[in-house]
PDB file of all heavy atoms in Angstrom:
ATOM      1  N   PHE A   1       0.902  -1.212  -0.026  1.00  0.00           N
ATOM      2  CA  PHE A   1       0.052   0.033  -0.017  1.00  0.00           C
ATOM      3  C   PHE A   1       0.945   1.219   0.053  1.00  0.00           C
ATOM      4  O   PHE A   1       1.437   1.568   0.979  1.00  0.00           O
ATOM      5  CB  PHE A   1      -0.906   0.005   1.213  1.00  0.00           C
ATOM      6  CG  PHE A   1      -1.982  -1.058   1.251  1.00  0.00           C
ATOM      7  CD1 PHE A   1      -1.689  -2.214   2.001  1.00  0.00           C
ATOM      8  CD2 PHE A   1      -3.038  -1.064   0.410  1.00  0.00           C
ATOM      9  CE1 PHE A   1      -2.735  -3.268   2.019  1.00  0.00           C
ATOM     10  CE2 PHE A   1      -3.952  -1.987   0.369  1.00  0.00           C
ATOM     11  CZ  PHE A   1      -3.793  -3.163   1.208  1.00  0.00           C
ATOM     12  N   ARG A   2       1.186   1.786  -1.138  1.00  0.00           N
ATOM     13  CA  ARG A   2       2.251   2.821  -1.292  1.00  0.00           C
ATOM     14  C   ARG A   2       1.923   4.043  -0.600  1.00  0.00           C
ATOM     15  O   ARG A   2       2.847   4.741  -0.241  1.00  0.00           O
ATOM     16  CB  ARG A   2       2.362   3.065  -2.835  1.00  0.00           C
ATOM     17  CG  ARG A   2       3.082   1.855  -3.569  1.00  0.00           C
ATOM     18  CD  ARG A   2       3.145   2.035  -5.052  1.00  0.00           C
ATOM     19  NE  ARG A   2       3.963   3.272  -5.343  1.00  0.00           N
ATOM     20  CZ  ARG A   2       5.136   3.353  -5.348  1.00  0.00           C
ATOM     21  NH1 ARG A   2       5.938   2.372  -4.913  1.00  0.00           N
ATOM     22  NH2 ARG A   2       5.849   4.562  -5.666  1.00  0.00           N
ATOM     23  N   SER A   3       0.565   4.339  -0.402  1.00  0.00           N
ATOM     24  CA  SER A   3       0.260   5.671   0.267  1.00  0.00           C
ATOM     25  C   SER A   3       0.315   5.531   1.846  1.00  0.00           C
ATOM     26  O   SER A   3       0.046   6.523   2.527  1.00  0.00           O
ATOM     27  CB  SER A   3      -1.145   6.140  -0.142  1.00  0.00           C
ATOM     28  OG  SER A   3      -2.098   5.269   0.092  1.00  0.00           O
ATOM     29  N   MET A   4       0.537   4.271   2.336  1.00  0.00           N
ATOM     30  CA  MET A   4       0.519   3.999   3.719  1.00  0.00           C
ATOM     31  C   MET A   4       1.925   4.045   4.304  1.00  0.00           C
ATOM     32  O   MET A   4       2.878   3.847   3.519  1.00  0.00           O
ATOM     33  CB  MET A   4      -0.206   2.785   4.144  1.00  0.00           C
ATOM     34  CG  MET A   4      -1.745   2.780   3.808  1.00  0.00           C
ATOM     35  SD  MET A   4      -2.517   1.262   3.865  1.00  0.00           S
ATOM     36  CE  MET A   4      -1.962   0.381   5.384  1.00  0.00           C
ATOM     37  N   SER A   5       2.045   4.179   5.565  1.00  0.00           N
ATOM     38  CA  SER A   5       3.370   4.207   6.221  1.00  0.00           C
ATOM     39  C   SER A   5       3.946   2.745   6.268  1.00  0.00           C
ATOM     40  O   SER A   5       3.153   1.767   6.063  1.00  0.00           O
ATOM     41  CB  SER A   5       3.288   4.737   7.636  1.00  0.00           C
ATOM     42  OG  SER A   5       2.617   3.850   8.453  1.00  0.00           O
ATOM     43  N   VAL A   6       5.128   2.641   6.500  1.00  0.00           N
ATOM     44  CA  VAL A   6       5.906   1.393   6.701  1.00  0.00           C
ATOM     45  C   VAL A   6       5.139   0.592   7.832  1.00  0.00           C
ATOM     46  O   VAL A   6       4.791  -0.606   7.646  1.00  0.00           O
ATOM     47  CB  VAL A   6       7.332   1.515   7.029  1.00  0.00           C
ATOM     48  CG1 VAL A   6       7.978   0.229   7.520  1.00  0.00           C
ATOM     49  CG2 VAL A   6       8.097   2.055   5.724  1.00  0.00           C
ATOM     50  N   LEU A   7       4.927   1.216   9.001  1.00  0.00           N
ATOM     51  CA  LEU A   7       4.299   0.658  10.126  1.00  0.00           C
ATOM     52  C   LEU A   7       2.940   0.037   9.748  1.00  0.00           C
ATOM     53  O   LEU A   7       2.597  -1.042  10.125  1.00  0.00           O
ATOM     54  CB  LEU A   7       4.246   1.631  11.316  1.00  0.00           C
ATOM     55  CG  LEU A   7       3.477   1.109  12.522  1.00  0.00           C
ATOM     56  CD1 LEU A   7       4.248  -0.202  13.129  1.00  0.00           C
ATOM     57  CD2 LEU A   7       3.404   2.244  13.614  1.00  0.00           C
ATOM     58  N   ASP A   8       2.165   0.913   9.104  1.00  0.00           N
ATOM     59  CA  ASP A   8       0.751   0.404   8.714  1.00  0.00           C
ATOM     60  C   ASP A   8       0.780  -0.812   7.771  1.00  0.00           C
ATOM     61  O   ASP A   8       0.055  -1.588   7.827  1.00  0.00           O
ATOM     62  CB  ASP A   8      -0.055   1.598   8.148  1.00  0.00           C
ATOM     63  CG  ASP A   8      -0.417   2.573   9.231  1.00  0.00           C
ATOM     64  OD1 ASP A   8      -0.416   2.241  10.455  1.00  0.00           O
ATOM     65  OD2 ASP A   8      -0.731   3.673   8.879  1.00  0.00           O
ATOM     66  N   ASN A   9       1.696  -0.731   6.810  1.00  0.00           N
ATOM     67  CA  ASN A   9       1.808  -1.850   5.968  1.00  0.00           C
ATOM     68  C   ASN A   9       2.150  -3.172   6.646  1.00  0.00           C
ATOM     69  O   ASN A   9       1.613  -4.147   6.433  1.00  0.00           O
ATOM     70  CB  ASN A   9       2.869  -1.626   4.866  1.00  0.00           C
ATOM     71  CG  ASN A   9       2.378  -0.987   3.599  1.00  0.00           C
ATOM     72  OD1 ASN A   9       1.908  -1.678   2.725  1.00  0.00           O
ATOM     73  ND2 ASN A   9       2.488   0.307   3.444  1.00  0.00           N
ATOM     74  N   VAL A  10       3.140  -3.061   7.611  1.00  0.00           N
ATOM     75  CA  VAL A  10       3.451  -4.314   8.407  1.00  0.00           C
ATOM     76  C   VAL A  10       2.340  -4.613   9.277  1.00  0.00           C
ATOM     77  O   VAL A  10       2.050  -5.909   9.433  1.00  0.00           O
ATOM     78  CB  VAL A  10       4.804  -4.094   9.199  1.00  0.00           C
ATOM     79  CG1 VAL A  10       5.125  -5.220   9.949  1.00  0.00           C
ATOM     80  CG2 VAL A  10       5.925  -3.640   8.180  1.00  0.00           C
ATOM     81  N   ARG A  11       1.565  -3.748   9.845  1.00  0.00           N
ATOM     82  CA  ARG A  11       0.464  -4.240  10.627  1.00  0.00           C
ATOM     83  C   ARG A  11      -0.602  -4.935   9.800  1.00  0.00           C
ATOM     84  O   ARG A  11      -1.283  -5.852  10.354  1.00  0.00           O
ATOM     85  CB  ARG A  11      -0.176  -2.835  11.291  1.00  0.00           C
ATOM     86  CG  ARG A  11       0.582  -2.353  12.399  1.00  0.00           C
ATOM     87  CD  ARG A  11       0.087  -1.010  12.895  1.00  0.00           C
ATOM     88  NE  ARG A  11      -1.243  -1.140  13.511  1.00  0.00           N
ATOM     89  CZ  ARG A  11      -2.117  -0.236  13.765  1.00  0.00           C
ATOM     90  NH1 ARG A  11      -1.643   1.047  13.653  1.00  0.00           N
ATOM     91  NH2 ARG A  11      -3.322  -0.514  14.256  1.00  0.00           N
ATOM     92  N   VAL A  12      -0.839  -4.486   8.510  1.00  0.00           N
ATOM     93  CA  VAL A  12      -1.688  -5.141   7.692  1.00  0.00           C
ATOM     94  C   VAL A  12      -1.467  -6.690   7.584  1.00  0.00           C
ATOM     95  O   VAL A  12      -2.298  -7.502   7.648  1.00  0.00           O
ATOM     96  CB  VAL A  12      -1.818  -4.518   6.345  1.00  0.00           C
ATOM     97  CG1 VAL A  12      -2.487  -5.343   5.276  1.00  0.00           C
ATOM     98  CG2 VAL A  12      -2.508  -3.179   6.335  1.00  0.00           C
ATOM     99  N   GLY A  13      -0.168  -6.928   7.419  1.00  0.00           N
ATOM    100  CA  GLY A  13       0.253  -8.358   7.330  1.00  0.00           C
ATOM    101  C   GLY A  13      -0.033  -9.147   8.745  1.00  0.00           C
ATOM    102  O   GLY A  13      -0.342 -10.311   8.588  1.00  0.00           O
ATOM    103  N   GLY A  14      -0.149  -8.532   9.734  1.00  0.00           N
ATOM    104  CA  GLY A  14      -0.454  -9.285  10.934  1.00  0.00           C
ATOM    105  C   GLY A  14      -1.850  -9.538  11.258  1.00  0.00           C
ATOM    106  O   GLY A  14      -2.301 -10.253  12.126  1.00  0.00           O
ATOM    107  N   HIS A  15      -2.811  -8.890  10.532  1.00  0.00           N
ATOM    108  CA  HIS A  15      -4.233  -9.066  10.610  1.00  0.00           C
ATOM    109  C   HIS A  15      -4.739 -10.425  10.303  1.00  0.00           C
ATOM    110  O   HIS A  15      -5.827 -10.822  10.651  1.00  0.00           O
ATOM    111  CB  HIS A  15      -5.005  -7.919   9.814  1.00  0.00           C
ATOM    112  CG  HIS A  15      -5.198  -6.671  10.485  1.00  0.00           C
ATOM    113  ND1 HIS A  15      -6.094  -6.483  11.461  1.00  0.00           N
ATOM    114  CD2 HIS A  15      -4.502  -5.479  10.455  1.00  0.00           C
ATOM    115  CE1 HIS A  15      -5.994  -5.240  11.967  1.00  0.00           C
ATOM    116  NE2 HIS A  15      -5.078  -4.600  11.282  1.00  0.00           N
ATOM    117  N   SER A  16      -3.912 -11.210   9.619  1.00  0.00           N
ATOM    118  CA  SER A  16      -4.358 -12.550   9.277  1.00  0.00           C
ATOM    119  C   SER A  16      -4.452 -13.400  10.510  1.00  0.00           C
ATOM    120  O   SER A  16      -5.096 -14.387  10.439  1.00  0.00           O
ATOM    121  CB  SER A  16      -3.441 -13.131   8.148  1.00  0.00           C
ATOM    122  OG  SER A  16      -2.033 -13.345   8.779  1.00  0.00           O
ATOM    123  N   GLN A  17      -3.689 -13.031  11.538  1.00  0.00           N
ATOM    124  CA  GLN A  17      -3.624 -13.751  12.712  1.00  0.00           C
ATOM    125  C   GLN A  17      -4.520 -13.165  13.768  1.00  0.00           C
ATOM    126  O   GLN A  17      -4.549 -13.592  14.948  1.00  0.00           O
ATOM    127  CB  GLN A  17      -2.183 -13.748  13.380  1.00  0.00           C
ATOM    128  CG  GLN A  17      -1.174 -14.337  12.415  1.00  0.00           C
ATOM    129  CD  GLN A  17      -1.436 -15.710  11.938  1.00  0.00           C
ATOM    130  OE1 GLN A  17      -1.666 -16.674  12.871  1.00  0.00           O
ATOM    131  NE2 GLN A  17      -1.533 -16.052  10.690  1.00  0.00           N
ATOM    132  N   SER A  18      -5.335 -12.231  13.359  1.00  0.00           N
ATOM    133  CA  SER A  18      -6.250 -11.606  14.340  1.00  0.00           C
ATOM    134  C   SER A  18      -7.591 -12.187  14.253  1.00  0.00           C
ATOM    135  O   SER A  18      -8.044 -12.711  13.279  1.00  0.00           O
ATOM    136  CB  SER A  18      -6.281 -10.047  14.200  1.00  0.00           C
ATOM    137  OG  SER A  18      -6.821  -9.747  12.993  1.00  0.00           O
ATOM    138  N   ARG A  19      -8.495 -11.792  15.196  1.00  0.00           N
ATOM    139  CA  ARG A  19      -9.923 -12.166  15.207  1.00  0.00           C
ATOM    140  C   ARG A  19     -10.731 -10.934  15.433  1.00  0.00           C
ATOM    141  O   ARG A  19     -10.260  -9.992  16.170  1.00  0.00           O
ATOM    142  CB  ARG A  19     -10.258 -13.287  16.152  1.00  0.00           C
ATOM    143  CG  ARG A  19     -10.015 -12.859  17.621  1.00  0.00           C
ATOM    144  CD  ARG A  19     -10.211 -14.062  18.575  1.00  0.00           C
ATOM    145  NE  ARG A  19     -10.001 -13.534  19.995  1.00  0.00           N
ATOM    146  CZ  ARG A  19     -10.892 -13.133  20.678  1.00  0.00           C
ATOM    147  NH1 ARG A  19     -12.102 -12.970  20.293  1.00  0.00           N
ATOM    148  NH2 ARG A  19     -10.697 -12.842  21.995  1.00  0.00           N
ATOM    149  N   GLY A  20     -11.911 -10.863  14.910  1.00  0.00           N
ATOM    150  CA  GLY A  20     -12.686  -9.664  14.993  1.00  0.00           C
ATOM    151  C   GLY A  20     -13.897  -9.695  14.173  1.00  0.00           C
ATOM    152  O   GLY A  20     -13.999 -10.629  13.372  1.00  0.00           O
ATOM    153  N   ASP A  21     -14.752  -8.828  14.347  1.00  0.00           N
ATOM    154  CA  ASP A  21     -16.006  -8.633  13.569  1.00  0.00           C
ATOM    155  C   ASP A  21     -16.384  -7.208  13.516  1.00  0.00           C
ATOM    156  O   ASP A  21     -15.850  -6.439  14.294  1.00  0.00           O
ATOM    157  CB  ASP A  21     -17.113  -9.576  14.193  1.00  0.00           C
ATOM    158  CG  ASP A  21     -17.448  -9.161  15.599  1.00  0.00           C
ATOM    159  OD1 ASP A  21     -18.092  -8.169  15.832  1.00  0.00           O
ATOM    160  OD2 ASP A  21     -17.065  -9.966  16.503  1.00  0.00           O
ATOM    161  N   PHE A  22     -17.300  -6.891  12.618  1.00  0.00           N
ATOM    162  CA  PHE A  22     -17.631  -5.491  12.323  1.00  0.00           C
ATOM    163  C   PHE A  22     -18.102  -4.839  13.602  1.00  0.00           C
ATOM    164  O   PHE A  22     -17.690  -3.694  13.966  1.00  0.00           O
ATOM    165  CB  PHE A  22     -18.745  -5.431  11.304  1.00  0.00           C
ATOM    166  CG  PHE A  22     -19.094  -3.975  11.086  1.00  0.00           C
ATOM    167  CD1 PHE A  22     -18.421  -3.153  10.239  1.00  0.00           C
ATOM    168  CD2 PHE A  22     -20.392  -3.551  11.611  1.00  0.00           C
ATOM    169  CE1 PHE A  22     -18.747  -1.807  10.046  1.00  0.00           C
ATOM    170  CE2 PHE A  22     -20.808  -2.205  11.337  1.00  0.00           C
ATOM    171  CZ  PHE A  22     -20.079  -1.329  10.659  1.00  0.00           C
ATOM    172  N   LEU A  23     -19.038  -5.462  14.440  1.00  0.00           N
ATOM    173  CA  LEU A  23     -19.525  -4.715  15.615  1.00  0.00           C
ATOM    174  C   LEU A  23     -18.527  -4.549  16.740  1.00  0.00           C
ATOM    175  O   LEU A  23     -18.399  -3.540  17.307  1.00  0.00           O
ATOM    176  CB  LEU A  23     -20.744  -5.737  16.177  1.00  0.00           C
ATOM    177  CG  LEU A  23     -21.479  -5.063  17.412  1.00  0.00           C
ATOM    178  CD1 LEU A  23     -22.114  -3.758  17.049  1.00  0.00           C
ATOM    179  CD2 LEU A  23     -22.472  -6.102  17.895  1.00  0.00           C
ATOM    180  N   SER A  24     -17.654  -5.559  16.946  1.00  0.00           N
ATOM    181  CA  SER A  24     -16.612  -5.434  17.986  1.00  0.00           C
ATOM    182  C   SER A  24     -15.641  -4.304  17.535  1.00  0.00           C
ATOM    183  O   SER A  24     -15.259  -3.541  18.490  1.00  0.00           O
ATOM    184  CB  SER A  24     -15.847  -6.779  18.187  1.00  0.00           C
ATOM    185  OG  SER A  24     -16.784  -7.850  18.546  1.00  0.00           O
ATOM    186  N   ASP A  25     -15.284  -4.288  16.262  1.00  0.00           N
ATOM    187  CA  ASP A  25     -14.335  -3.268  15.792  1.00  0.00           C
ATOM    188  C   ASP A  25     -15.016  -1.877  16.000  1.00  0.00           C
ATOM    189  O   ASP A  25     -14.404  -0.910  16.339  1.00  0.00           O
ATOM    190  CB  ASP A  25     -13.904  -3.543  14.436  1.00  0.00           C
ATOM    191  CG  ASP A  25     -13.053  -4.765  14.269  1.00  0.00           C
ATOM    192  OD1 ASP A  25     -12.504  -5.281  15.332  1.00  0.00           O
ATOM    193  OD2 ASP A  25     -12.780  -5.198  13.154  1.00  0.00           O
ATOM    194  N   ALA A  26     -16.181  -1.794  15.563  1.00  0.00           N
ATOM    195  CA  ALA A  26     -16.971  -0.574  15.622  1.00  0.00           C
ATOM    196  C   ALA A  26     -17.041  -0.015  17.047  1.00  0.00           C
ATOM    197  O   ALA A  26     -16.909   1.193  17.329  1.00  0.00           O
ATOM    198  CB  ALA A  26     -18.327  -0.611  15.011  1.00  0.00           C
ATOM    199  N   LEU A  27     -17.300  -0.864  18.079  1.00  0.00           N
ATOM    200  CA  LEU A  27     -17.448  -0.475  19.412  1.00  0.00           C
ATOM    201  C   LEU A  27     -16.029  -0.368  20.110  1.00  0.00           C
ATOM    202  O   LEU A  27     -15.981   0.129  21.309  1.00  0.00           O
ATOM    203  CB  LEU A  27     -18.271  -1.651  20.086  1.00  0.00           C
ATOM    204  CG  LEU A  27     -19.799  -1.648  19.768  1.00  0.00           C
ATOM    205  CD1 LEU A  27     -20.397  -2.840  20.554  1.00  0.00           C
ATOM    206  CD2 LEU A  27     -20.473  -0.348  19.971  1.00  0.00           C
ATOM    207  N   HIS A  28     -15.064  -0.872  19.391  1.00  0.00           N
ATOM    208  CA  HIS A  28     -13.766  -0.740  19.994  1.00  0.00           C
ATOM    209  C   HIS A  28     -13.689  -1.324  21.347  1.00  0.00           C
ATOM    210  O   HIS A  28     -13.106  -0.649  22.307  1.00  0.00           O
ATOM    211  CB  HIS A  28     -13.274   0.713  20.058  1.00  0.00           C
ATOM    212  CG  HIS A  28     -11.747   0.951  19.770  1.00  0.00           C
ATOM    213  ND1 HIS A  28     -11.151   0.217  18.757  1.00  0.00           N
ATOM    214  CD2 HIS A  28     -10.827   1.606  20.422  1.00  0.00           C
ATOM    215  CE1 HIS A  28      -9.805   0.641  18.827  1.00  0.00           C
ATOM    216  NE2 HIS A  28      -9.671   1.380  19.849  1.00  0.00           N
ATOM    217  N   LEU A  29     -14.120  -2.506  21.482  1.00  0.00           N
ATOM    218  CA  LEU A  29     -14.186  -3.302  22.768  1.00  0.00           C
ATOM    219  C   LEU A  29     -12.812  -3.429  23.292  1.00  0.00           C
ATOM    220  O   LEU A  29     -11.830  -3.471  22.575  1.00  0.00           O
ATOM    221  CB  LEU A  29     -14.903  -4.701  22.517  1.00  0.00           C
ATOM    222  CG  LEU A  29     -16.343  -4.552  22.091  1.00  0.00           C
ATOM    223  CD1 LEU A  29     -16.908  -5.880  21.877  1.00  0.00           C
ATOM    224  CD2 LEU A  29     -17.115  -3.767  23.087  1.00  0.00           C
ATOM    225  N   PRO A  30     -12.700  -3.634  24.688  1.00  0.00           N
ATOM    226  CA  PRO A  30     -11.381  -3.772  25.299  1.00  0.00           C
ATOM    227  C   PRO A  30     -10.496  -4.810  24.629  1.00  0.00           C
ATOM    228  O   PRO A  30      -9.248  -4.675  24.374  1.00  0.00           O
ATOM    229  CB  PRO A  30     -11.682  -4.167  26.776  1.00  0.00           C
ATOM    230  CG  PRO A  30     -13.068  -3.447  26.900  1.00  0.00           C
ATOM    231  CD  PRO A  30     -13.748  -3.647  25.616  1.00  0.00           C
ATOM    232  N   TRP A  31     -11.018  -5.993  24.299  1.00  0.00           N
ATOM    233  CA  TRP A  31     -10.228  -7.023  23.702  1.00  0.00           C
ATOM    234  C   TRP A  31      -9.725  -6.705  22.300  1.00  0.00           C
ATOM    235  O   TRP A  31      -8.660  -6.997  21.826  1.00  0.00           O
ATOM    236  CB  TRP A  31     -10.955  -8.371  23.661  1.00  0.00           C
ATOM    237  CG  TRP A  31     -12.078  -8.538  22.706  1.00  0.00           C
ATOM    238  CD1 TRP A  31     -13.475  -8.279  22.909  1.00  0.00           C
ATOM    239  CD2 TRP A  31     -12.056  -8.858  21.290  1.00  0.00           C
ATOM    240  NE1 TRP A  31     -14.175  -8.455  21.857  1.00  0.00           N
ATOM    241  CE2 TRP A  31     -13.426  -8.910  20.764  1.00  0.00           C
ATOM    242  CE3 TRP A  31     -10.979  -9.232  20.418  1.00  0.00           C
ATOM    243  CZ2 TRP A  31     -13.718  -9.156  19.428  1.00  0.00           C
ATOM    244  CZ3 TRP A  31     -11.303  -9.443  19.131  1.00  0.00           C
ATOM    245  CH2 TRP A  31     -12.617  -9.533  18.653  1.00  0.00           C
ATOM    246  N   VAL A  32     -10.481  -5.777  21.711  1.00  0.00           N
ATOM    247  CA  VAL A  32     -10.039  -5.315  20.324  1.00  0.00           C
ATOM    248  C   VAL A  32      -8.884  -4.379  20.520  1.00  0.00           C
ATOM    249  O   VAL A  32      -7.914  -4.428  19.739  1.00  0.00           O
ATOM    250  CB  VAL A  32     -11.278  -4.619  19.530  1.00  0.00           C
ATOM    251  CG1 VAL A  32     -10.723  -3.924  18.270  1.00  0.00           C
ATOM    252  CG2 VAL A  32     -12.357  -5.627  19.261  1.00  0.00           C
ATOM    253  N   ARG A  33      -9.030  -3.509  21.409  1.00  0.00           N
ATOM    254  CA  ARG A  33      -7.852  -2.571  21.708  1.00  0.00           C
ATOM    255  C   ARG A  33      -6.566  -3.474  22.120  1.00  0.00           C
ATOM    256  O   ARG A  33      -5.496  -2.931  21.629  1.00  0.00           O
ATOM    257  CB  ARG A  33      -8.248  -1.683  22.864  1.00  0.00           C
ATOM    258  CG  ARG A  33      -9.443  -0.673  22.400  1.00  0.00           C
ATOM    259  CD  ARG A  33      -9.470   0.586  23.399  1.00  0.00           C
ATOM    260  NE  ARG A  33      -9.745   0.151  24.743  1.00  0.00           N
ATOM    261  CZ  ARG A  33     -10.973  -0.064  25.227  1.00  0.00           C
ATOM    262  NH1 ARG A  33     -12.040   0.209  24.522  1.00  0.00           N
ATOM    263  NH2 ARG A  33     -11.270  -0.353  26.570  1.00  0.00           N
ATOM    264  N   ARG A  34      -6.733  -4.443  22.903  1.00  0.00           N
ATOM    265  CA  ARG A  34      -5.577  -5.300  23.361  1.00  0.00           C
ATOM    266  C   ARG A  34      -5.009  -5.906  22.064  1.00  0.00           C
ATOM    267  O   ARG A  34      -3.775  -5.967  21.971  1.00  0.00           O
ATOM    268  CB  ARG A  34      -5.933  -6.257  24.331  1.00  0.00           C
ATOM    269  CG  ARG A  34      -6.362  -5.738  25.715  1.00  0.00           C
ATOM    270  CD  ARG A  34      -6.320  -6.770  26.793  1.00  0.00           C
ATOM    271  NE  ARG A  34      -7.400  -7.890  26.561  1.00  0.00           N
ATOM    272  CZ  ARG A  34      -8.648  -7.624  27.040  1.00  0.00           C
ATOM    273  NH1 ARG A  34      -8.966  -6.648  27.729  1.00  0.00           N
ATOM    274  NH2 ARG A  34      -9.603  -8.605  26.683  1.00  0.00           N
ATOM    275  N   GLN A  35      -5.877  -6.405  21.285  1.00  0.00           N
ATOM    276  CA  GLN A  35      -5.368  -7.026  19.983  1.00  0.00           C
ATOM    277  C   GLN A  35      -4.611  -6.010  19.081  1.00  0.00           C
ATOM    278  O   GLN A  35      -3.580  -6.321  18.585  1.00  0.00           O
ATOM    279  CB  GLN A  35      -6.578  -7.682  19.197  1.00  0.00           C
ATOM    280  CG  GLN A  35      -6.175  -8.368  17.977  1.00  0.00           C
ATOM    281  CD  GLN A  35      -7.374  -9.083  17.368  1.00  0.00           C
ATOM    282  OE1 GLN A  35      -7.653 -10.190  17.631  1.00  0.00           O
ATOM    283  NE2 GLN A  35      -8.139  -8.309  16.554  1.00  0.00           N
ATOM    284  N   GLU A  36      -5.115  -4.852  18.956  1.00  0.00           N
ATOM    285  CA  GLU A  36      -4.478  -3.785  18.196  1.00  0.00           C
ATOM    286  C   GLU A  36      -3.052  -3.421  18.703  1.00  0.00           C
ATOM    287  O   GLU A  36      -2.165  -3.241  18.046  1.00  0.00           O
ATOM    288  CB  GLU A  36      -5.409  -2.507  18.095  1.00  0.00           C
ATOM    289  CG  GLU A  36      -6.585  -2.661  17.077  1.00  0.00           C
ATOM    290  CD  GLU A  36      -6.140  -3.033  15.714  1.00  0.00           C
ATOM    291  OE1 GLU A  36      -5.167  -2.471  15.311  1.00  0.00           O
ATOM    292  OE2 GLU A  36      -6.908  -3.904  15.143  1.00  0.00           O
ATOM    293  N   ARG A  37      -3.057  -3.341  20.081  1.00  0.00           N
ATOM    294  CA  ARG A  37      -1.766  -3.081  20.765  1.00  0.00           C
ATOM    295  C   ARG A  37      -0.706  -4.165  20.466  1.00  0.00           C
ATOM    296  O   ARG A  37       0.366  -3.938  20.221  1.00  0.00           O
ATOM    297  CB  ARG A  37      -1.913  -2.825  22.258  1.00  0.00           C
ATOM    298  CG  ARG A  37      -2.565  -1.560  22.607  1.00  0.00           C
ATOM    299  CD  ARG A  37      -2.372  -1.212  23.976  1.00  0.00           C
ATOM    300  NE  ARG A  37      -3.004  -2.174  24.868  1.00  0.00           N
ATOM    301  CZ  ARG A  37      -4.343  -2.099  25.346  1.00  0.00           C
ATOM    302  NH1 ARG A  37      -5.070  -0.988  25.002  1.00  0.00           N
ATOM    303  NH2 ARG A  37      -4.830  -2.958  26.181  1.00  0.00           N
ATOM    304  N   SER A  38      -1.219  -5.399  20.415  1.00  0.00           N
ATOM    305  CA  SER A  38      -0.420  -6.578  20.179  1.00  0.00           C
ATOM    306  C   SER A  38       0.190  -6.596  18.815  1.00  0.00           C
ATOM    307  O   SER A  38       1.266  -6.824  18.481  1.00  0.00           O
ATOM    308  CB  SER A  38      -1.125  -7.853  20.469  1.00  0.00           C
ATOM    309  OG  SER A  38      -0.380  -9.017  20.148  1.00  0.00           O
ATOM    310  N   LEU A  39      -0.768  -6.130  17.852  1.00  0.00           N
ATOM    311  CA  LEU A  39      -0.404  -6.186  16.385  1.00  0.00           C
ATOM    312  C   LEU A  39       0.596  -5.112  16.171  1.00  0.00           C
ATOM    313  O   LEU A  39       1.617  -5.275  15.472  1.00  0.00           O
ATOM    314  CB  LEU A  39      -1.624  -5.885  15.587  1.00  0.00           C
ATOM    315  CG  LEU A  39      -2.575  -7.002  15.293  1.00  0.00           C
ATOM    316  CD1 LEU A  39      -3.878  -6.553  14.579  1.00  0.00           C
ATOM    317  CD2 LEU A  39      -1.823  -8.015  14.456  1.00  0.00           C
ATOM    318  N   GLU A  40       0.524  -3.871  16.809  1.00  0.00           N
ATOM    319  CA  GLU A  40       1.410  -2.855  16.672  1.00  0.00           C
ATOM    320  C   GLU A  40       2.841  -3.256  17.242  1.00  0.00           C
ATOM    321  O   GLU A  40       3.883  -3.051  16.710  1.00  0.00           O
ATOM    322  CB  GLU A  40       0.977  -1.598  17.314  1.00  0.00           C
ATOM    323  CG  GLU A  40       1.965  -0.450  17.179  1.00  0.00           C
ATOM    324  CD  GLU A  40       1.363   0.935  17.195  1.00  0.00           C
ATOM    325  OE1 GLU A  40       0.000   1.086  17.003  1.00  0.00           O
ATOM    326  OE2 GLU A  40       2.145   1.945  17.319  1.00  0.00           O
ATOM    327  N   GLN A  41       2.747  -3.829  18.406  1.00  0.00           N
ATOM    328  CA  GLN A  41       4.045  -4.294  19.030  1.00  0.00           C
ATOM    329  C   GLN A  41       4.769  -5.349  18.188  1.00  0.00           C
ATOM    330  O   GLN A  41       6.034  -5.274  18.011  1.00  0.00           O
ATOM    331  CB  GLN A  41       3.707  -4.929  20.404  1.00  0.00           C
ATOM    332  CG  GLN A  41       5.037  -5.394  21.171  1.00  0.00           C
ATOM    333  CD  GLN A  41       4.703  -5.914  22.511  1.00  0.00           C
ATOM    334  OE1 GLN A  41       3.560  -5.938  22.973  1.00  0.00           O
ATOM    335  NE2 GLN A  41       5.684  -6.533  23.201  1.00  0.00           N
ATOM    336  N   SER A  42       4.024  -6.235  17.662  1.00  0.00           N
ATOM    337  CA  SER A  42       4.648  -7.197  16.772  1.00  0.00           C
ATOM    338  C   SER A  42       5.191  -6.570  15.525  1.00  0.00           C
ATOM    339  O   SER A  42       6.320  -6.898  15.008  1.00  0.00           O
ATOM    340  CB  SER A  42       3.572  -8.371  16.410  1.00  0.00           C
ATOM    341  OG  SER A  42       4.131  -9.260  15.410  1.00  0.00           O
ATOM    342  N   ALA A  43       4.467  -5.654  14.938  1.00  0.00           N
ATOM    343  CA  ALA A  43       4.973  -4.911  13.760  1.00  0.00           C
ATOM    344  C   ALA A  43       6.301  -4.080  14.054  1.00  0.00           C
ATOM    345  O   ALA A  43       7.102  -4.129  13.282  1.00  0.00           O
ATOM    346  CB  ALA A  43       3.809  -3.987  13.236  1.00  0.00           C
ATOM    347  N   ARG A  44       6.308  -3.449  15.234  1.00  0.00           N
ATOM    348  CA  ARG A  44       7.379  -2.674  15.551  1.00  0.00           C
ATOM    349  C   ARG A  44       8.734  -3.671  15.742  1.00  0.00           C
ATOM    350  O   ARG A  44       9.740  -3.219  15.457  1.00  0.00           O
ATOM    351  CB  ARG A  44       7.122  -1.785  16.737  1.00  0.00           C
ATOM    352  CG  ARG A  44       6.217  -0.606  16.538  1.00  0.00           C
ATOM    353  CD  ARG A  44       6.090   0.241  17.689  1.00  0.00           C
ATOM    354  NE  ARG A  44       5.207   1.375  17.346  1.00  0.00           N
ATOM    355  CZ  ARG A  44       5.593   2.483  16.590  1.00  0.00           C
ATOM    356  NH1 ARG A  44       6.851   2.579  16.174  1.00  0.00           N
ATOM    357  NH2 ARG A  44       4.691   3.519  16.439  1.00  0.00           N
ATOM    358  N   GLU A  45       8.411  -4.771  16.278  1.00  0.00           N
ATOM    359  CA  GLU A  45       9.458  -5.676  16.537  1.00  0.00           C
ATOM    360  C   GLU A  45      10.019  -6.153  15.241  1.00  0.00           C
ATOM    361  O   GLU A  45      11.242  -6.182  14.960  1.00  0.00           O
ATOM    362  CB  GLU A  45       8.957  -6.977  17.301  1.00  0.00           C
ATOM    363  CG  GLU A  45      10.070  -8.062  17.713  1.00  0.00           C
ATOM    364  CD  GLU A  45      10.231  -9.059  16.539  1.00  0.00           C
ATOM    365  OE1 GLU A  45       9.268  -9.459  15.874  1.00  0.00           O
ATOM    366  OE2 GLU A  45      11.452  -9.456  16.451  1.00  0.00           O
ATOM    367  N   LEU A  46       9.138  -6.380  14.208  1.00  0.00           N
ATOM    368  CA  LEU A  46       9.714  -6.830  12.879  1.00  0.00           C
ATOM    369  C   LEU A  46      10.439  -5.605  12.141  1.00  0.00           C
ATOM    370  O   LEU A  46      11.372  -5.903  11.462  1.00  0.00           O
ATOM    371  CB  LEU A  46       8.519  -7.263  12.062  1.00  0.00           C
ATOM    372  CG  LEU A  46       7.973  -8.722  12.310  1.00  0.00           C
ATOM    373  CD1 LEU A  46       6.677  -9.039  11.565  1.00  0.00           C
ATOM    374  CD2 LEU A  46       9.119  -9.665  11.690  1.00  0.00           C
TER     375      LEU A  46
END
């Protein structure tokens, strides 16, 4: 995704290992926030 940052491109790759649904993401439930933090941490490590 050329218009996106390096970090966001790498985070996209991690979404295959995540779980979620439209409603949970829209409500930004606590487990969704934890998952997003984990994805960002993994992306930064890579």
